[in-house]
């Protein structure tokens, strides 16, 4: 894979659940230009998904790149937040 695996807790409607999120080096570099810690990239990614797709039921385990299918325009949102490549 060439990246990181994070355990995260998502809270919605008073209920929390654990998920696993994989972040590949290429996505980390694309979204943050390597300027941010991978954990910050995951934190911002999950917040963006929850804010932009509140009805989406996240899988128990997924690759961060999957967010591109769930939230149109998420690449540019992440780049704007984290200073990656335009």
Protein backbone atom coordinates (compact mmCIF):
# COMPACT_ATOMS: atom_id res chain seq x y z
CA UNK A 1 0.00 0.00 0.00
CA UNK A 2 2.75 2.50 0.83
CA UNK A 3 1.05 4.66 3.43
CA UNK A 4 -0.74 4.58 6.76
CA UNK A 5 -3.65 2.84 8.45
CA UNK A 6 -5.68 4.83 10.97
CA UNK A 7 -8.25 3.82 13.54
CA UNK A 8 -10.85 6.57 13.76
CA UNK A 9 -14.02 7.17 15.71
CA UNK A 10 -16.98 8.75 13.92
CA UNK A 11 -19.85 10.21 15.94
CA UNK A 12 -23.22 10.90 14.39
CA UNK A 13 -26.54 11.39 16.09
CA UNK A 14 -25.12 10.56 19.49
CA UNK A 15 -23.73 7.23 18.33
CA UNK A 16 -20.03 6.55 17.83
CA UNK A 17 -18.38 3.80 15.83
CA UNK A 18 -14.86 2.75 14.97
CA UNK A 19 -13.55 2.64 11.41
CA UNK A 20 -10.22 1.92 9.72
CA UNK A 21 -8.97 4.33 7.05
CA UNK A 22 -6.00 3.69 4.76
CA UNK A 23 -4.11 6.69 3.42
CA UNK A 24 -1.71 6.11 0.53
CA UNK A 25 1.45 8.18 0.13
CA UNK A 26 0.21 9.46 -3.22
CA UNK A 27 -3.03 10.83 -1.74
CA UNK A 28 -1.21 12.37 1.21
CA UNK A 29 1.15 14.13 -1.18
CA UNK A 30 -1.62 15.20 -3.56
CA UNK A 31 -3.86 16.64 -0.85
CA UNK A 32 -1.22 18.22 1.41
CA UNK A 33 1.91 18.49 -0.69
CA UNK A 34 3.63 16.57 2.11
CA UNK A 35 3.27 19.62 4.38
CA UNK A 36 0.85 18.09 6.90
CA UNK A 37 1.00 15.08 9.15
CA UNK A 38 -0.92 12.13 7.71
CA UNK A 39 -3.13 12.14 10.82
CA UNK A 40 -4.22 15.71 10.03
CA UNK A 41 -5.04 14.70 6.45
CA UNK A 42 -7.27 11.89 7.75
CA UNK A 43 -8.90 14.19 10.30
CA UNK A 44 -9.74 16.79 7.62
CA UNK A 45 -10.86 14.11 5.17
CA UNK A 46 -13.30 12.57 7.64
CA UNK A 47 -14.66 15.96 8.67
CA UNK A 48 -15.20 16.88 5.03
CA UNK A 49 -16.98 13.59 4.30
CA UNK A 50 -19.24 13.93 7.36
CA UNK A 51 -20.03 17.58 6.57
CA UNK A 52 -20.61 17.11 2.82
CA UNK A 53 -22.27 13.67 2.82
CA UNK A 54 -24.10 13.38 6.15
CA UNK A 55 -26.33 10.58 4.86
CA UNK A 56 -23.38 8.41 3.82
CA UNK A 57 -22.86 5.30 5.92
CA UNK A 58 -19.09 4.89 5.95
CA UNK A 59 -17.79 1.34 5.60
CA UNK A 60 -15.95 -0.21 8.53
CA UNK A 61 -12.73 -0.10 6.49
CA UNK A 62 -11.89 1.93 3.41
CA UNK A 63 -9.14 3.66 1.48
CA UNK A 64 -9.14 7.46 1.70
CA UNK A 65 -9.23 7.65 -2.11
CA UNK A 66 -12.78 6.23 -1.95
CA UNK A 67 -13.92 9.67 -0.82
CA UNK A 68 -13.61 10.80 -4.44
CA UNK A 69 -16.67 8.67 -5.28
CA UNK A 70 -18.66 9.90 -2.29
CA UNK A 71 -18.00 13.65 -2.30
CA UNK A 72 -17.72 15.38 -5.68
CA UNK A 73 -14.91 17.91 -5.69
CA UNK A 74 -13.25 16.58 -2.53
CA UNK A 75 -9.79 16.71 -4.12
CA UNK A 76 -9.96 20.48 -4.51
CA UNK A 77 -11.52 20.92 -1.04
CA UNK A 78 -8.66 18.97 0.54
CA UNK A 79 -6.02 20.83 -1.49
CA UNK A 80 -7.53 24.17 -0.46
CA UNK A 81 -7.51 23.14 3.22
CA UNK A 82 -4.08 21.52 3.27
CA UNK A 83 -2.04 23.29 0.60
CA UNK A 84 -1.46 20.40 -1.80
CA UNK A 85 -1.26 20.38 -5.58
CA UNK A 86 -3.87 22.23 -7.62
